[in-house]
Amino acid sequence: MLPLHTTIRNLLSSCTIGLIFTSCSHESEKNLAIIKTLDESLANSNKLLNVSTSEILISLNEKLNDRSTHERAKIWFQKAQTVEAATKEVNNYIEKIKVELLEKGGKNSYAVRKLLNRNADGIYEGLMNYKETVLATDDRIHKQFSRSLVVVSSLFDTLGKNGTDLFNTFFDNENIYPSKAMLTKLQNNVKVIENKVIMFCHEQVGAVGGPCISMWPIIGQSSTIVQAGERIELTAGIGSFYFDFEPHVSVYGKEIPITERGLAVYKLKASSKPGKYYVPVKINYTDQDGKQITVQKEIEYTVANIQKQ
């Protein structure tokens, strides 16, 4: 059991904080104090996210040692590690820019703009590559998060921007503190994504010591003996409980859509010549242990030489 739910809700709510940016000529001590406070709050939120994500990864690792969850945990722990590594890479890149900003830009407003302008493309491309990497980790992750991951802002992400736009929108100022706060906010965005996606990976494994999930492939046909030209209906799918095994069914090499009942229904026209015929059916699915399974079967039917009276 993970003591995460309340903590996650609290820390994620803190990530919706807005940042205040004003031009250098209109900045007041009060505005700077607010910006510094927001930066500190975001930095603390990142620390809490790190703790939360670490707890999830520890729990995932523990599931590797349980026989009932080992196979699923092995698959999803690797996916979680992929997300963790991608997050670390982009976070460290932004952190280096923050350090350089403090070292070189603290006493020179021109140096602040020059530094950020030089790195704007790298920051933007790093964030976009990060988003692509996370979504490409697994089809289920893509389906769950493709419309909700925010790497800069909800509006900015949807407008097809670039590094120049990123600089002009968020970094075109001569004061170090708004820029540093925005960089921290970008780090916060990727930490939120990391936490959500790794929690999703954890949820796909299920509870340690939980019940086994039973399932089976189902292939059926409406008739085995038909007259010439008569239609035969084939049904194929996975019988399962609790999990969506996302079966893929093909007949004669052609994939057949899955109905709302979880079955693929294929209707074929029997041959006009009497004799025995075979229809190749293949089902691909992921079992309860996360293994990729393929079931292949030939459905037999006979065209009877029946003379009509």
Protein backbone atom coordinates (compact mmCIF):
# COMPACT_ATOMS: atom_id res chain seq x y z
CA MET A 1 0.00 0.00 0.00
CA LEU A 2 1.45 3.35 -1.04
CA PRO A 3 0.84 6.35 1.26
CA LEU A 4 0.76 8.60 -1.78
CA HIS A 5 -2.75 9.67 -2.67
CA THR A 6 -3.15 12.65 -0.34
CA THR A 7 0.45 13.74 -0.84
CA ILE A 8 0.14 13.61 -4.61
CA ARG A 9 -3.07 15.62 -4.64
CA ASN A 10 -1.50 18.29 -2.47
CA LEU A 11 1.75 18.59 -4.36
CA LEU A 12 0.13 18.47 -7.79
CA SER A 13 -2.20 21.27 -6.80
CA SER A 14 0.84 23.36 -5.96
CA CYS A 15 2.07 22.92 -9.53
CA THR A 16 -0.71 25.07 -10.93
CA ILE A 17 0.94 28.19 -9.55
CA GLY A 18 1.21 30.99 -12.12
CA LEU A 19 4.35 33.05 -12.60
CA ILE A 20 4.39 36.82 -12.64
CA PHE A 21 6.61 38.54 -15.19
CA THR A 22 7.02 42.27 -15.59
CA SER A 23 9.48 44.34 -17.55
CA CYS A 24 12.60 45.49 -15.80
CA SER A 25 11.51 49.12 -15.81
CA HIS A 26 8.30 48.32 -13.92
CA GLU A 27 9.61 45.77 -11.44
CA SER A 28 9.18 46.57 -7.81
CA GLU A 29 10.68 44.98 -4.76
CA LYS A 30 7.27 43.48 -4.08
CA ASN A 31 7.11 41.83 -7.50
CA LEU A 32 10.59 40.40 -7.09
CA ALA A 33 9.67 39.05 -3.69
CA ILE A 34 6.62 37.33 -5.16
CA ILE A 35 8.65 35.82 -7.99
CA LYS A 36 11.33 34.56 -5.60
CA THR A 37 8.63 33.02 -3.40
CA LEU A 38 7.03 31.27 -6.36
CA ASP A 39 10.40 29.96 -7.45
CA GLU A 40 11.04 28.59 -3.97
CA SER A 41 7.57 27.03 -3.85
CA LEU A 42 8.10 25.29 -7.18
CA ALA A 43 11.51 24.04 -6.07
CA ASN A 44 9.92 22.57 -2.92
CA SER A 45 7.20 21.00 -5.02
CA ASN A 46 9.90 19.34 -7.13
CA LYS A 47 11.45 17.87 -4.01
CA LEU A 48 8.11 16.42 -2.92
CA LEU A 49 7.57 15.00 -6.38
CA ASN A 50 10.98 13.34 -6.22
CA VAL A 51 10.04 11.68 -2.92
CA SER A 52 6.67 10.54 -4.25
CA THR A 53 8.14 9.14 -7.47
CA SER A 54 10.87 7.33 -5.55
CA GLU A 55 8.24 5.64 -3.37
CA ILE A 56 6.36 4.45 -6.45
CA LEU A 57 9.53 3.05 -8.00
CA ILE A 58 10.41 1.27 -4.75
CA SER A 59 6.95 -0.32 -4.70
CA LEU A 60 7.30 -1.35 -8.35
CA ASN A 61 10.67 -2.91 -7.59
CA GLU A 62 9.15 -4.84 -4.67
CA LYS A 63 6.54 -6.31 -7.00
CA LEU A 64 9.37 -7.96 -8.92
CA ASN A 65 9.89 -10.23 -5.93
CA ASP A 66 6.27 -11.38 -5.79
CA ARG A 67 5.40 -14.40 -7.93
CA SER A 68 1.91 -13.14 -8.70
CA THR A 69 3.15 -9.82 -10.10
CA HIS A 70 6.73 -10.56 -11.21
CA GLU A 71 6.13 -10.76 -14.96
CA ARG A 72 3.93 -7.66 -15.14
CA ALA A 73 6.22 -5.74 -12.80
CA LYS A 74 9.26 -6.58 -14.92
CA ILE A 75 7.63 -5.05 -17.99
CA TRP A 76 6.24 -1.93 -16.31
CA PHE A 77 9.26 -1.30 -14.10
CA GLN A 78 11.39 -1.07 -17.25
CA LYS A 79 8.93 1.41 -18.77
CA ALA A 80 8.97 3.46 -15.56
CA GLN A 81 12.77 3.50 -15.65
CA THR A 82 12.67 4.78 -19.23
CA VAL A 83 10.49 7.69 -18.12
CA GLU A 84 12.71 8.29 -15.09
CA ALA A 85 15.86 8.44 -17.24
CA ALA A 86 14.26 10.82 -19.75
CA THR A 87 13.09 13.09 -16.93
CA LYS A 88 16.54 13.13 -15.35
CA GLU A 89 18.15 14.09 -18.66
CA VAL A 90 15.93 17.10 -19.40
CA ASN A 91 15.85 18.19 -15.74
CA ASN A 92 19.65 18.15 -15.49
CA TYR A 93 19.95 20.14 -18.72
CA ILE A 94 17.68 22.88 -17.38
CA GLU A 95 19.49 22.81 -14.03
CA LYS A 96 22.82 23.49 -15.75
CA ILE A 97 21.31 26.54 -17.42
CA LYS A 98 20.03 27.77 -14.05
CA VAL A 99 23.48 27.39 -12.53
CA GLU A 100 25.08 29.24 -15.43
CA LEU A 101 22.42 31.91 -15.16
CA LEU A 102 23.33 32.53 -11.51
CA GLU A 103 27.06 32.47 -12.21
CA LYS A 104 27.20 34.68 -15.31
CA GLY A 105 24.02 36.66 -15.34
CA GLY A 106 23.75 37.88 -11.79
CA LYS A 107 25.44 41.21 -12.41
CA ASN A 108 24.82 41.72 -16.11
CA SER A 109 21.30 42.07 -17.53
CA TYR A 110 22.55 41.71 -21.11
CA ALA A 111 24.23 38.43 -20.21
CA VAL A 112 20.89 37.09 -18.91
CA ARG A 113 19.14 37.64 -22.24
CA LYS A 114 22.11 36.39 -24.25
CA LEU A 115 22.41 33.20 -22.21
CA LEU A 116 18.72 32.36 -22.43
CA ASN A 117 18.45 33.29 -26.09
CA ARG A 118 21.36 30.98 -26.85
CA ASN A 119 19.72 28.08 -24.99
CA ALA A 120 16.08 28.63 -25.96
CA ASP A 121 16.15 26.19 -28.87
CA GLY A 122 17.86 23.54 -26.76
CA ILE A 123 15.32 23.93 -23.97
CA TYR A 124 12.37 23.75 -26.34
CA GLU A 125 13.70 20.78 -28.31
CA GLY A 126 14.61 18.99 -25.08
CA LEU A 127 11.07 19.39 -23.76
CA MET A 128 9.46 18.27 -27.03
CA ASN A 129 11.78 15.25 -27.26
CA TYR A 130 10.97 14.42 -23.67
CA LYS A 131 7.25 14.43 -24.38
CA GLU A 132 7.74 12.20 -27.42
CA THR A 133 9.91 9.77 -25.46
CA VAL A 134 7.37 9.45 -22.66
CA LEU A 135 4.43 8.90 -25.01
CA ALA A 136 6.39 6.37 -27.08
CA THR A 137 7.19 4.26 -24.02
CA ASP A 138 3.96 2.27 -24.37
CA ASP A 139 0.76 2.47 -26.41
CA ARG A 140 -1.32 2.56 -23.23
CA ILE A 141 0.70 5.49 -21.90
CA HIS A 142 0.18 7.31 -25.20
CA LYS A 143 -3.56 6.65 -25.08
CA GLN A 144 -3.82 7.82 -21.47
CA PHE A 145 -1.64 10.94 -21.61
CA SER A 146 -1.32 12.14 -25.22
CA ARG A 147 -3.83 14.97 -24.67
CA SER A 148 -2.88 15.94 -21.15
CA LEU A 149 0.92 16.22 -20.91
CA VAL A 150 2.01 19.85 -20.49
CA VAL A 151 5.70 20.63 -20.96
CA VAL A 152 5.52 24.45 -21.20
CA SER A 153 1.91 25.57 -20.79
CA SER A 154 -1.43 24.28 -22.05
CA LEU A 155 -1.80 27.13 -24.53
CA PHE A 156 1.84 27.27 -25.65
CA ASP A 157 2.01 23.50 -26.28
CA THR A 158 -0.95 23.56 -28.68
CA LEU A 159 0.17 26.43 -30.90
CA GLY A 160 3.10 24.77 -32.68
CA LYS A 161 5.73 27.09 -31.25
CA ASN A 162 9.54 26.93 -31.36
CA GLY A 163 12.57 27.99 -29.36
CA THR A 164 12.35 31.62 -30.48
CA ASP A 165 8.73 31.77 -29.33
CA LEU A 166 9.75 30.26 -26.00
CA PHE A 167 12.38 32.96 -25.49
CA ASN A 168 10.12 35.84 -26.58
CA THR A 169 7.22 34.64 -24.43
CA PHE A 170 8.98 33.69 -21.21
CA PHE A 171 12.62 34.81 -21.16
CA ASP A 172 12.83 38.15 -22.97
CA ASN A 173 13.64 40.20 -19.87
CA GLU A 174 16.76 41.53 -18.23
CA ASN A 175 16.20 40.29 -14.71
CA ILE A 176 17.52 36.96 -13.57
CA TYR A 177 14.71 36.05 -11.17
CA PRO A 178 11.71 35.70 -13.54
CA SER A 179 13.88 33.62 -15.88
CA LYS A 180 15.08 31.38 -13.07
CA ALA A 181 11.51 30.93 -11.83
CA MET A 182 10.35 29.95 -15.32
CA LEU A 183 13.14 27.41 -15.64
CA THR A 184 12.07 25.94 -12.29
CA LYS A 185 8.49 25.81 -13.58
CA LEU A 186 9.64 23.84 -16.63
CA GLN A 187 11.41 21.42 -14.32
CA ASN A 188 8.22 21.17 -12.31
CA ASN A 189 6.26 20.31 -15.45
CA VAL A 190 8.48 17.35 -16.29
CA LYS A 191 8.50 16.18 -12.66
CA VAL A 192 4.68 16.20 -12.66
CA ILE A 193 4.66 14.20 -15.89
CA GLU A 194 7.17 11.73 -14.49
CA ASN A 195 5.12 11.21 -11.33
CA LYS A 196 1.83 10.72 -13.16
CA VAL A 197 3.23 8.32 -15.77
CA ILE A 198 5.21 6.22 -13.30
CA MET A 199 2.13 5.98 -11.09
CA PHE A 200 0.24 4.77 -14.17
CA CYS A 201 2.93 2.10 -14.69
CA HIS A 202 2.50 1.05 -11.07
CA GLU A 203 -1.26 0.75 -11.49
CA GLN A 204 -0.89 -1.56 -14.50
CA VAL A 205 0.84 -4.17 -12.35
CA GLY A 206 -1.92 -4.52 -9.77
CA ALA A 207 -1.71 -5.33 -6.09
CA VAL A 208 0.96 -7.60 -4.61
CA GLY A 209 -0.59 -10.94 -3.67
CA GLY A 210 -3.73 -10.16 -5.64
CA PRO A 211 -5.92 -12.82 -7.21
CA CYS A 212 -4.95 -14.48 -10.47
CA ILE A 213 -6.84 -13.22 -13.46
CA SER A 214 -8.31 -15.99 -15.59
CA MET A 215 -8.68 -15.64 -19.34
CA TRP A 216 -8.84 -17.72 -22.48
CA PRO A 217 -8.92 -17.37 -26.26
CA ILE A 218 -12.29 -18.00 -27.87
CA ILE A 219 -12.74 -19.05 -31.50
CA GLY A 220 -16.05 -20.26 -32.85
CA GLN A 221 -18.03 -20.72 -36.04
CA SER A 222 -21.71 -20.80 -36.88
CA SER A 223 -21.56 -24.05 -38.86
CA THR A 224 -19.14 -26.76 -39.95
CA ILE A 225 -21.19 -28.23 -42.78
CA VAL A 226 -22.73 -25.89 -45.32
CA GLN A 227 -24.07 -25.84 -48.80
CA ALA A 228 -22.32 -24.18 -51.70
CA GLY A 229 -22.48 -20.39 -51.38
CA GLU A 230 -23.86 -20.48 -47.83
CA ARG A 231 -22.41 -17.96 -45.35
CA ILE A 232 -20.39 -18.95 -42.26
CA GLU A 233 -19.90 -16.66 -39.27
CA LEU A 234 -16.65 -16.82 -37.26
CA THR A 235 -16.17 -15.27 -33.80
CA ALA A 236 -12.83 -14.84 -32.04
CA GLY A 237 -11.56 -12.96 -28.99
CA ILE A 238 -10.31 -13.20 -25.42
CA GLY A 239 -12.49 -14.15 -22.47
CA SER A 240 -11.15 -12.21 -19.50
CA PHE A 241 -11.92 -10.51 -16.17
CA TYR A 242 -10.68 -7.18 -14.76
CA PHE A 243 -8.06 -6.44 -17.44
CA ASP A 244 -8.32 -5.19 -20.98
CA PHE A 245 -6.07 -7.54 -22.93
CA GLU A 246 -6.56 -5.65 -26.19
CA PRO A 247 -6.74 -8.66 -28.52
CA HIS A 248 -5.85 -8.34 -32.19
CA VAL A 249 -7.62 -10.89 -34.39
CA SER A 250 -6.83 -11.61 -38.03
CA VAL A 251 -8.51 -13.91 -40.55
CA TYR A 252 -6.67 -14.73 -43.77
CA GLY A 253 -4.05 -12.24 -42.56
CA LYS A 254 -6.52 -9.36 -42.38
CA GLU A 255 -7.14 -7.73 -38.98
CA ILE A 256 -10.77 -7.82 -37.89
CA PRO A 257 -12.21 -5.02 -35.67
CA ILE A 258 -13.14 -5.95 -32.10
CA THR A 259 -16.80 -5.43 -31.20
CA GLU A 260 -18.08 -3.91 -27.96
CA ARG A 261 -18.42 -7.48 -26.64
CA GLY A 262 -14.68 -7.94 -27.03
CA LEU A 263 -15.06 -10.31 -29.97
CA ALA A 264 -14.04 -10.13 -33.61
CA VAL A 265 -16.83 -11.18 -35.96
CA TYR A 266 -15.98 -12.25 -39.50
CA LYS A 267 -18.45 -13.48 -42.10
CA LEU A 268 -17.22 -15.40 -45.09
CA LYS A 269 -18.93 -16.94 -48.07
CA ALA A 270 -18.41 -20.66 -48.42
CA SER A 271 -16.80 -22.02 -51.55
CA SER A 272 -19.11 -23.04 -54.36
CA LYS A 273 -17.36 -26.40 -54.68
CA PRO A 274 -17.97 -29.35 -52.29
CA GLY A 275 -15.09 -30.33 -50.03
CA LYS A 276 -13.23 -29.42 -46.84
CA TYR A 277 -11.86 -25.92 -46.36
CA TYR A 278 -9.68 -24.29 -43.71
CA VAL A 279 -9.74 -20.68 -42.50
CA PRO A 280 -6.58 -19.41 -40.73
CA VAL A 281 -7.35 -17.38 -37.59
CA LYS A 282 -4.71 -15.68 -35.41
CA ILE A 283 -5.11 -13.89 -32.09
CA ASN A 284 -2.40 -11.73 -30.50
CA TYR A 285 -2.87 -10.56 -26.92
CA THR A 286 -1.05 -9.79 -23.66
CA ASP A 287 -1.76 -12.24 -20.85
CA GLN A 288 -2.15 -11.48 -17.14
CA ASP A 289 1.62 -11.69 -16.65
CA GLY A 290 2.37 -9.20 -19.40
CA LYS A 291 3.57 -11.80 -21.91
CA GLN A 292 2.79 -11.42 -25.59
CA ILE A 293 0.80 -14.47 -26.68
CA THR A 294 -0.12 -15.61 -30.18
CA VAL A 295 -2.78 -18.25 -30.80
CA GLN A 296 -3.17 -19.63 -34.32
CA LYS A 297 -5.89 -22.00 -35.39
CA GLU A 298 -7.43 -23.24 -38.60
CA ILE A 299 -11.21 -23.30 -38.62
CA GLU A 300 -12.47 -26.20 -40.68
CA TYR A 301 -15.71 -26.26 -42.60
CA THR A 302 -17.16 -28.64 -45.15
CA VAL A 303 -19.17 -27.79 -48.19
CA ALA A 304 -21.60 -30.67 -48.55
CA ASN A 305 -22.67 -31.99 -51.90
CA ILE A 306 -26.38 -31.80 -51.11
CA GLN A 307 -28.80 -32.00 -53.98
CA LYS A 308 -31.90 -29.92 -53.55
CA GLN A 309 -35.17 -31.86 -53.99
